[in-house]
Amino acid sequence: MGRDYQLTAFGTGFPLVGTGNYDTVPVGVFSQRCVERVESLHIRVRVTDVVGDSHERVLDCMRGARAEYNVPGAEPVNG
């Protein structure tokens, strides 16, 4: 922690962006060394929306960190 990565702490009431666009919520910051050495890092996010429905997603944090996915002008990596 603090050297090669920093993860964002999520908790009850943490504001998330709406759906239907390419806005993102930062999950963490990873050094180049971390990106090169860690093959996969998945985080499971469970949320309950304002009407009480529960949703769960598994996020591949390393996918957005890889240079080949971050080509200028390319579609954002949200999938």
C-alpha atoms as a PDB file:
ATOM      1  CA  MET A   1       0.000   0.000   0.000  1.00  0.00           C
ATOM      2  CA  GLY A   2       1.370   3.370  -0.948  1.00  0.00           C
ATOM      3  CA  ARG A   3       4.203   1.947  -3.016  1.00  0.00           C
ATOM      4  CA  ASP A   4       2.697   0.036  -5.937  1.00  0.00           C
ATOM      5  CA  TYR A   5      -1.040   0.452  -5.452  1.00  0.00           C
ATOM      6  CA  GLN A   6      -3.751   2.312  -3.600  1.00  0.00           C
ATOM      7  CA  LEU A   7      -7.346   1.067  -3.447  1.00  0.00           C
ATOM      8  CA  THR A   8     -10.394   3.230  -2.824  1.00  0.00           C
ATOM      9  CA  ALA A   9     -12.483   2.234   0.191  1.00  0.00           C
ATOM     10  CA  PHE A  10     -16.163   1.911  -0.691  1.00  0.00           C
ATOM     11  CA  GLY A  11     -18.884   1.738   1.909  1.00  0.00           C
ATOM     12  CA  THR A  12     -22.500   2.447   2.651  1.00  0.00           C
ATOM     13  CA  GLY A  13     -23.588   5.683   1.034  1.00  0.00           C
ATOM     14  CA  PHE A  14     -20.633   5.909  -1.369  1.00  0.00           C
ATOM     15  CA  PRO A  15     -21.912   7.823  -4.432  1.00  0.00           C
ATOM     16  CA  LEU A  16     -21.798   5.881  -7.705  1.00  0.00           C
ATOM     17  CA  VAL A  17     -22.414   7.331 -11.157  1.00  0.00           C
ATOM     18  CA  GLY A  18     -25.569   6.637 -13.140  1.00  0.00           C
ATOM     19  CA  THR A  19     -25.826   4.079 -15.911  1.00  0.00           C
ATOM     20  CA  GLY A  20     -25.998   4.668 -19.637  1.00  0.00           C
ATOM     21  CA  ASN A  21     -22.771   6.606 -20.056  1.00  0.00           C
ATOM     22  CA  TYR A  22     -19.034   6.099 -19.806  1.00  0.00           C
ATOM     23  CA  ASP A  23     -18.488   7.826 -16.471  1.00  0.00           C
ATOM     24  CA  THR A  24     -16.407   5.774 -14.079  1.00  0.00           C
ATOM     25  CA  VAL A  25     -15.691   5.505 -10.383  1.00  0.00           C
ATOM     26  CA  PRO A  26     -11.978   5.165  -9.601  1.00  0.00           C
ATOM     27  CA  VAL A  27     -11.280   1.858  -7.876  1.00  0.00           C
ATOM     28  CA  GLY A  28      -7.598   2.454  -7.297  1.00  0.00           C
ATOM     29  CA  VAL A  29      -4.264   3.654  -8.564  1.00  0.00           C
ATOM     30  CA  PHE A  30      -1.639   1.168  -9.724  1.00  0.00           C
ATOM     31  CA  SER A  31       2.043   1.733 -10.474  1.00  0.00           C
ATOM     32  CA  GLN A  32       3.510   0.515 -13.750  1.00  0.00           C
ATOM     33  CA  ARG A  33       5.355  -2.155 -11.772  1.00  0.00           C
ATOM     34  CA  CYS A  34       2.080  -3.401 -10.275  1.00  0.00           C
ATOM     35  CA  VAL A  35       0.378  -3.495 -13.685  1.00  0.00           C
ATOM     36  CA  GLU A  36       3.285  -5.458 -15.142  1.00  0.00           C
ATOM     37  CA  ARG A  37       3.409  -8.007 -12.292  1.00  0.00           C
ATOM     38  CA  VAL A  38      -0.237  -8.551 -11.342  1.00  0.00           C
ATOM     39  CA  GLU A  39      -2.024 -10.626 -13.948  1.00  0.00           C
ATOM     40  CA  SER A  40      -5.550 -10.118 -12.646  1.00  0.00           C
ATOM     41  CA  LEU A  41      -7.289  -8.196  -9.884  1.00  0.00           C
ATOM     42  CA  HIS A  42     -11.042  -8.598  -9.582  1.00  0.00           C
ATOM     43  CA  ILE A  43     -13.214  -6.693  -7.138  1.00  0.00           C
ATOM     44  CA  ARG A  44     -16.809  -7.656  -6.412  1.00  0.00           C
ATOM     45  CA  VAL A  45     -19.158  -4.708  -5.870  1.00  0.00           C
ATOM     46  CA  ARG A  46     -22.617  -5.181  -4.388  1.00  0.00           C
ATOM     47  CA  VAL A  47     -24.979  -2.229  -4.182  1.00  0.00           C
ATOM     48  CA  THR A  48     -28.571  -1.615  -3.190  1.00  0.00           C
ATOM     49  CA  ASP A  49     -30.262   1.168  -5.123  1.00  0.00           C
ATOM     50  CA  VAL A  50     -32.750   3.711  -3.802  1.00  0.00           C
ATOM     51  CA  VAL A  51     -35.734   1.425  -4.481  1.00  0.00           C
ATOM     52  CA  GLY A  52     -34.138  -1.507  -2.648  1.00  0.00           C
ATOM     53  CA  ASP A  53     -32.984  -3.591  -5.634  1.00  0.00           C
ATOM     54  CA  SER A  54     -29.611  -5.295  -5.202  1.00  0.00           C
ATOM     55  CA  HIS A  55     -26.996  -5.402  -7.958  1.00  0.00           C
ATOM     56  CA  GLU A  56     -23.624  -7.145  -8.107  1.00  0.00           C
ATOM     57  CA  ARG A  57     -20.737  -6.747 -10.558  1.00  0.00           C
ATOM     58  CA  VAL A  58     -17.256  -8.227 -10.693  1.00  0.00           C
ATOM     59  CA  LEU A  59     -14.782  -5.637 -11.978  1.00  0.00           C
ATOM     60  CA  ASP A  60     -11.513  -6.524 -13.718  1.00  0.00           C
ATOM     61  CA  CYS A  61      -9.318  -3.713 -12.377  1.00  0.00           C
ATOM     62  CA  MET A  62      -6.266  -4.605 -14.449  1.00  0.00           C
ATOM     63  CA  ARG A  63      -8.128  -4.466 -17.764  1.00  0.00           C
ATOM     64  CA  GLY A  64      -8.359  -0.670 -17.699  1.00  0.00           C
ATOM     65  CA  ALA A  65      -4.762  -0.365 -16.527  1.00  0.00           C
ATOM     66  CA  ARG A  66      -3.239  -2.140 -19.529  1.00  0.00           C
ATOM     67  CA  ALA A  67      -1.793   0.172 -22.190  1.00  0.00           C
ATOM     68  CA  GLU A  68      -3.302  -1.819 -25.074  1.00  0.00           C
ATOM     69  CA  TYR A  69      -6.796  -0.982 -23.773  1.00  0.00           C
ATOM     70  CA  ASN A  70      -6.093   2.737 -23.415  1.00  0.00           C
ATOM     71  CA  VAL A  71      -5.470   3.840 -26.976  1.00  0.00           C
ATOM     72  CA  PRO A  72      -6.285   7.553 -27.539  1.00  0.00           C
ATOM     73  CA  GLY A  73      -9.606   7.881 -29.371  1.00  0.00           C
ATOM     74  CA  ALA A  74     -10.696   4.326 -28.587  1.00  0.00           C
ATOM     75  CA  GLU A  75     -13.931   3.449 -26.821  1.00  0.00           C
ATOM     76  CA  PRO A  76     -13.644   3.537 -23.012  1.00  0.00           C
ATOM     77  CA  VAL A  77     -13.111   0.191 -21.258  1.00  0.00           C
ATOM     78  CA  ASN A  78     -16.386  -0.456 -19.418  1.00  0.00           C
ATOM     79  CA  GLY A  79     -17.500  -3.930 -20.150  1.00  0.00           C
END
